Amino acid sequence: MKLCHVLTAGLLLASVTANAAITVKDDVGNTITLAQPAKRIISLAPHVTEDLFAIGAGKLIVGAVNYSDYPPEANQIERIGGYNGFDLERIRALKPDLIIGWATGNPERQLDQIKALGFPVFLTFSKKMADVPTVLERMGEMTALQAGAGKAAKQYRDQLALLEKTYAGRKPVRVFYQIWDRPLMTINNTQIISDVMRICGGVNVFGTQSDLTPKVDVEAVLAANPDVIMTSGEPGMKTDWLAPWKKWKNLKATQNNQFYILPKDSVNRMGPRLVQGGKAMCEALEQARK
């Protein structure tokens, strides 16, 4: 009888554990509770799509936004809109049990509309390179894929530690990072690209600006007089965004020919490939020191 009671108790405990609610906090402090691991996920940002594939949850994505193009399999996922708007009816029809968005990349009005549909919404907002693996781990909790998430998080942390060790104590290099040309736009120190820059020994010349992605003018860049001017883009891109700066002969970047185009999406997506982009940026700034 005692053995029977123990077995019964064990089965009941296993049942309770299997059905226990999953509770996590997102990057803006919201508590997300799921009755069971997510099986139908909608991704509202390209980096979210990459994160989910990295932990082994790519097969769970039923909808994604435009430009969710990595890994290549992501191109097969149904699109539910992009920055300019989401197809709310399509989102409803896909019956997601979890929606993962981007706190600063998805317009607040659109996020409010999605929340009004009643679906759980987890928001990401990594400010530092070290924040990325914590997102992977929480995604692992929400999908019951902790093993895959733990592996991806460890690999990322190991690569980041190597990057920090390699470039610690390097001579500072003043950088203007251009994210758009018309209007001319850059980043402040809160944006994650600035943290990549910091690890590489770079100093963002517009880091103290209050806006996350401030608009600046040519005169402000000339006055800042950066050592290096950077952007990211496709290999062999037809229009070189940085070419117009080369006419300003008094710029330090022009005098030393320090213009760099980093691989597309390598430092602006808050996902697992960020350490690869960081390596590319660090190598560029190391070249600028020579």
Protein backbone atom coordinates (compact mmCIF):
# COMPACT_ATOMS: atom_id res chain seq x y z
CA MET A 1 0.00 0.00 0.00
CA LYS A 2 2.75 2.39 0.91
CA LEU A 3 4.50 1.77 -2.43
CA CYS A 4 1.21 2.35 -4.22
CA HIS A 5 0.72 5.65 -2.41
CA VAL A 6 4.25 6.76 -3.28
CA LEU A 7 3.78 5.94 -6.96
CA THR A 8 0.42 7.72 -7.02
CA ALA A 9 1.89 10.78 -5.35
CA GLY A 10 4.77 10.76 -7.82
CA LEU A 11 2.41 10.62 -10.79
CA LEU A 12 0.33 13.46 -9.39
CA LEU A 13 3.45 15.57 -8.83
CA ALA A 14 4.64 14.89 -12.38
CA SER A 15 1.22 15.87 -13.71
CA VAL A 16 1.19 19.12 -11.72
CA THR A 17 4.74 19.94 -12.85
CA ALA A 18 3.92 19.27 -16.50
CA ASN A 19 0.87 21.52 -16.32
CA ALA A 20 2.45 24.25 -14.21
CA ALA A 21 2.17 27.76 -15.59
CA ILE A 22 5.33 29.34 -17.02
CA THR A 23 6.05 32.84 -15.76
CA VAL A 24 8.85 35.10 -17.02
CA LYS A 25 9.59 38.82 -17.15
CA ASP A 26 10.32 40.53 -20.44
CA ASP A 27 12.91 43.24 -21.09
CA VAL A 28 10.60 46.08 -20.08
CA GLY A 29 9.49 44.46 -16.82
CA ASN A 30 6.17 42.97 -17.88
CA THR A 31 5.27 39.58 -16.40
CA ILE A 32 4.27 37.02 -19.02
CA THR A 33 2.40 33.91 -17.91
CA LEU A 34 1.73 30.94 -20.18
CA ALA A 35 -0.49 28.04 -19.17
CA GLN A 36 1.84 25.68 -21.03
CA PRO A 37 4.93 25.91 -23.30
CA ALA A 38 4.32 27.97 -26.43
CA LYS A 39 3.72 25.97 -29.61
CA ARG A 40 2.52 28.70 -32.00
CA ILE A 41 4.67 31.83 -31.97
CA ILE A 42 4.52 35.05 -33.96
CA SER A 43 7.77 37.02 -34.25
CA LEU A 44 7.50 40.80 -34.60
CA ALA A 45 11.20 41.43 -35.30
CA PRO A 46 13.92 39.84 -37.44
CA HIS A 47 16.22 39.38 -34.44
CA VAL A 48 13.43 37.58 -32.58
CA THR A 49 13.13 35.16 -35.49
CA GLU A 50 16.89 34.53 -35.34
CA ASP A 51 16.73 33.99 -31.57
CA LEU A 52 13.98 31.40 -31.91
CA PHE A 53 15.85 29.47 -34.58
CA ALA A 54 19.02 29.61 -32.46
CA ILE A 55 17.34 27.80 -29.55
CA GLY A 56 15.65 25.23 -31.80
CA ALA A 57 12.21 26.86 -31.87
CA GLY A 58 12.12 27.81 -35.55
CA LYS A 59 9.49 25.18 -36.25
CA LEU A 60 7.18 26.87 -33.73
CA ILE A 61 7.06 30.19 -35.63
CA VAL A 62 3.74 30.51 -37.47
CA GLY A 63 4.13 34.16 -38.49
CA ALA A 64 6.92 36.72 -38.80
CA VAL A 65 7.50 40.29 -39.96
CA ASN A 66 9.16 41.42 -43.17
CA TYR A 67 12.97 41.09 -43.33
CA SER A 68 12.94 37.97 -41.15
CA ASP A 69 15.48 36.45 -43.51
CA TYR A 70 17.94 34.57 -41.33
CA PRO A 71 18.47 31.68 -41.26
CA PRO A 72 17.32 31.03 -44.87
CA GLU A 73 14.44 28.82 -43.66
CA ALA A 74 12.90 31.92 -42.09
CA ASN A 75 11.96 33.15 -45.57
CA GLN A 76 9.33 30.41 -45.73
CA ILE A 77 7.42 31.71 -42.71
CA GLU A 78 4.14 33.51 -43.40
CA ARG A 79 4.40 37.31 -43.18
CA ILE A 80 2.07 39.28 -40.93
CA GLY A 81 3.31 42.79 -41.77
CA GLY A 82 6.22 45.01 -40.89
CA TYR A 83 7.23 48.34 -39.40
CA ASN A 84 4.45 50.21 -41.18
CA GLY A 85 1.70 48.00 -39.86
CA PHE A 86 0.55 44.51 -38.86
CA ASP A 87 -2.27 42.48 -40.34
CA LEU A 88 -4.31 42.05 -37.17
CA GLU A 89 -6.84 39.75 -38.80
CA ARG A 90 -4.07 37.47 -40.04
CA ILE A 91 -2.50 37.44 -36.58
CA ARG A 92 -5.83 36.48 -35.05
CA ALA A 93 -6.36 33.74 -37.65
CA LEU A 94 -2.94 32.20 -36.91
CA LYS A 95 -4.03 31.64 -33.29
CA PRO A 96 -0.65 32.21 -31.64
CA ASP A 97 -0.16 31.26 -28.01
CA LEU A 98 2.78 33.70 -27.76
CA ILE A 99 3.80 36.86 -29.59
CA ILE A 100 7.36 38.16 -29.19
CA GLY A 101 7.99 41.78 -30.11
CA TRP A 102 10.59 44.53 -29.97
CA ALA A 103 10.00 47.28 -27.42
CA THR A 104 11.66 50.05 -29.43
CA GLY A 105 11.30 48.68 -32.96
CA ASN A 106 7.54 48.02 -32.98
CA PRO A 107 5.39 51.17 -32.78
CA GLU A 108 3.63 51.36 -29.42
CA ARG A 109 0.22 51.88 -31.02
CA GLN A 110 0.55 48.65 -32.99
CA LEU A 111 1.70 46.73 -29.91
CA ASP A 112 -1.33 48.02 -28.02
CA GLN A 113 -3.60 46.78 -30.81
CA ILE A 114 -2.02 43.33 -30.65
CA LYS A 115 -2.29 43.19 -26.86
CA ALA A 116 -5.97 44.08 -27.20
CA LEU A 117 -6.45 40.81 -29.11
CA GLY A 118 -5.71 39.00 -25.85
CA PHE A 119 -2.51 37.17 -26.81
CA PRO A 120 0.51 37.06 -24.44
CA VAL A 121 3.16 39.53 -25.66
CA PHE A 122 6.82 39.28 -24.61
CA LEU A 123 8.93 42.36 -25.48
CA THR A 124 12.66 42.30 -26.12
CA PHE A 125 15.01 45.26 -25.70
CA SER A 126 18.68 44.36 -25.28
CA LYS A 127 20.73 47.45 -24.45
CA LYS A 128 24.01 45.59 -24.04
CA MET A 129 25.67 42.64 -25.73
CA ALA A 130 25.46 40.75 -22.44
CA ASP A 131 21.64 41.03 -22.48
CA VAL A 132 21.21 38.85 -25.57
CA PRO A 133 21.76 35.41 -23.97
CA THR A 134 19.28 36.18 -21.20
CA VAL A 135 16.61 36.63 -23.89
CA LEU A 136 17.56 33.27 -25.39
CA GLU A 137 17.21 31.63 -21.98
CA ARG A 138 13.78 33.13 -21.30
CA MET A 139 12.62 32.05 -24.76
CA GLY A 140 13.83 28.60 -23.79
CA GLU A 141 11.64 28.69 -20.70
CA MET A 142 8.57 29.81 -22.64
CA THR A 143 8.99 27.01 -25.20
CA ALA A 144 10.30 24.28 -22.87
CA LEU A 145 13.47 24.21 -24.98
CA GLN A 146 15.85 25.04 -22.15
CA ALA A 147 18.58 22.72 -23.41
CA GLY A 148 18.83 24.37 -26.83
CA ALA A 149 18.56 27.82 -25.29
CA GLY A 150 21.26 27.04 -22.74
CA LYS A 151 23.61 25.82 -25.44
CA ALA A 152 23.04 28.90 -27.62
CA ALA A 153 23.43 31.22 -24.63
CA LYS A 154 26.70 29.59 -23.53
CA GLN A 155 28.16 29.75 -27.03
CA TYR A 156 27.30 33.43 -27.24
CA ARG A 157 28.75 34.20 -23.79
CA ASP A 158 31.97 32.34 -24.59
CA GLN A 159 32.41 34.31 -27.82
CA LEU A 160 31.64 37.59 -26.05
CA ALA A 161 34.14 36.84 -23.28
CA LEU A 162 36.84 36.20 -25.89
CA LEU A 163 36.00 39.47 -27.64
CA GLU A 164 36.20 41.42 -24.37
CA LYS A 165 39.49 39.80 -23.41
CA THR A 166 41.04 40.38 -26.83
CA TYR A 167 40.23 44.09 -27.05
CA ALA A 168 40.39 45.17 -23.42
CA GLY A 169 42.51 48.27 -22.83
CA ARG A 170 42.85 49.26 -26.48
CA LYS A 171 43.45 52.91 -27.37
CA PRO A 172 40.07 54.71 -27.74
CA VAL A 173 38.89 55.47 -31.27
CA ARG A 174 36.21 58.12 -31.83
CA VAL A 175 33.46 56.82 -34.12
CA PHE A 176 30.50 58.21 -36.05
CA TYR A 177 28.12 55.36 -36.82
CA GLN A 178 25.65 56.19 -39.60
CA ILE A 179 22.42 54.18 -39.69
CA TRP A 180 20.69 56.23 -42.39
CA ASP A 181 21.62 58.90 -44.90
CA ARG A 182 18.41 60.85 -45.64
CA PRO A 183 17.77 62.06 -43.05
CA LEU A 184 21.21 61.60 -41.58
CA MET A 185 20.78 59.42 -38.48
CA THR A 186 23.03 57.85 -35.87
CA ILE A 187 22.74 56.18 -32.44
CA ASN A 188 23.15 57.17 -28.80
CA ASN A 189 24.86 55.21 -26.04
CA THR A 190 21.64 53.36 -25.13
CA GLN A 191 21.50 51.65 -28.52
CA ILE A 192 23.20 48.26 -28.49
CA ILE A 193 25.60 49.13 -31.34
CA SER A 194 27.26 51.56 -28.92
CA ASP A 195 27.90 48.71 -26.50
CA VAL A 196 29.55 46.73 -29.30
CA MET A 197 31.63 49.83 -29.99
CA ARG A 198 32.57 50.14 -26.31
CA ILE A 199 33.84 46.55 -26.15
CA CYS A 200 36.01 47.28 -29.20
CA GLY A 201 37.46 50.42 -27.62
CA GLY A 202 35.32 52.76 -29.72
CA VAL A 203 33.73 55.99 -28.47
CA ASN A 204 30.43 57.10 -29.99
CA VAL A 205 30.78 60.81 -30.82
CA PHE A 206 27.00 61.26 -30.47
CA GLY A 207 26.58 58.92 -27.53
CA THR A 208 25.18 61.54 -25.15
CA GLN A 209 22.23 62.42 -27.39
CA SER A 210 18.86 61.83 -25.71
CA ASP A 211 17.16 60.06 -28.62
CA LEU A 212 17.93 56.40 -29.28
CA THR A 213 18.45 57.13 -32.99
CA PRO A 214 19.01 60.89 -33.24
CA LYS A 215 18.96 62.90 -36.44
CA VAL A 216 22.12 64.94 -36.97
CA ASP A 217 23.41 67.24 -39.68
CA VAL A 218 26.64 67.31 -41.64
CA GLU A 219 27.92 70.28 -39.65
CA ALA A 220 27.55 68.35 -36.39
CA VAL A 221 29.57 65.45 -37.77
CA LEU A 222 32.27 67.81 -39.06
CA ALA A 223 32.42 69.48 -35.63
CA ALA A 224 32.70 66.08 -33.88
CA ASN A 225 35.54 65.19 -36.28
CA PRO A 226 35.51 61.39 -35.74
CA ASP A 227 38.53 59.18 -36.34
CA VAL A 228 36.32 56.57 -38.04
CA ILE A 229 33.00 56.63 -39.89
CA MET A 230 31.05 53.38 -40.06
CA THR A 231 27.83 51.88 -41.33
CA SER A 232 26.60 48.42 -42.36
CA GLY A 233 25.27 47.14 -45.66
CA GLU A 234 25.25 44.55 -48.40
CA PRO A 235 28.61 43.48 -49.86
CA GLY A 236 29.33 45.53 -52.97
CA MET A 237 26.32 47.80 -52.37
CA LYS A 238 25.72 50.06 -55.37
CA THR A 239 25.38 53.23 -53.32
CA ASP A 240 28.21 53.87 -50.89
CA TRP A 241 26.61 55.86 -48.07
CA LEU A 242 30.01 56.89 -46.80
CA ALA A 243 31.42 58.22 -50.08
CA PRO A 244 30.05 61.79 -49.58
CA TRP A 245 32.18 62.20 -46.43
CA LYS A 246 35.37 61.82 -48.42
CA LYS A 247 35.04 65.30 -49.89
CA TRP A 248 35.57 66.83 -46.44
CA LYS A 249 39.36 66.90 -46.41
CA ASN A 250 39.67 68.25 -42.85
CA LEU A 251 37.91 65.21 -41.36
CA LYS A 252 40.29 62.87 -39.54
CA ALA A 253 38.40 59.93 -41.04
CA THR A 254 39.02 61.30 -44.53
CA GLN A 255 42.67 62.16 -43.93
CA ASN A 256 43.38 58.58 -42.81
CA ASN A 257 40.81 56.90 -45.09
CA GLN A 258 39.00 55.31 -42.16
CA PHE A 259 35.60 54.33 -43.60
CA TYR A 260 34.13 50.91 -42.88
CA ILE A 261 31.00 49.10 -44.05
CA LEU A 262 30.24 46.21 -41.72
CA PRO A 263 28.31 43.13 -42.91
CA LYS A 264 24.57 43.69 -43.28
CA ASP A 265 22.54 43.21 -40.07
CA SER A 266 25.65 42.13 -38.15
CA VAL A 267 25.52 44.74 -35.38
CA ASN A 268 21.99 46.11 -35.59
CA ARG A 269 20.12 42.88 -34.82
CA MET A 270 20.02 41.99 -31.13
CA GLY A 271 20.46 38.29 -31.79
CA PRO A 272 23.09 35.54 -31.64
CA ARG A 273 25.03 36.86 -34.66
CA LEU A 274 25.82 40.07 -32.78
CA VAL A 275 29.13 38.68 -31.53
CA GLN A 276 30.18 38.04 -35.14
CA GLY A 277 29.34 41.65 -35.98
CA GLY A 278 31.26 42.72 -32.89
CA LYS A 279 34.32 40.87 -34.12
CA ALA A 280 34.08 42.65 -37.49
CA MET A 281 33.77 46.04 -35.79
CA CYS A 282 36.67 45.36 -33.43
CA GLU A 283 38.89 44.32 -36.33
CA ALA A 284 37.99 47.51 -38.20
CA LEU A 285 38.80 49.73 -35.22
CA GLU A 286 42.04 47.83 -34.66
CA GLN A 287 42.95 48.58 -38.27
CA ALA A 288 42.19 52.26 -37.66
CA ARG A 289 44.68 52.32 -34.79
CA LYS A 290 47.57 51.32 -37.05
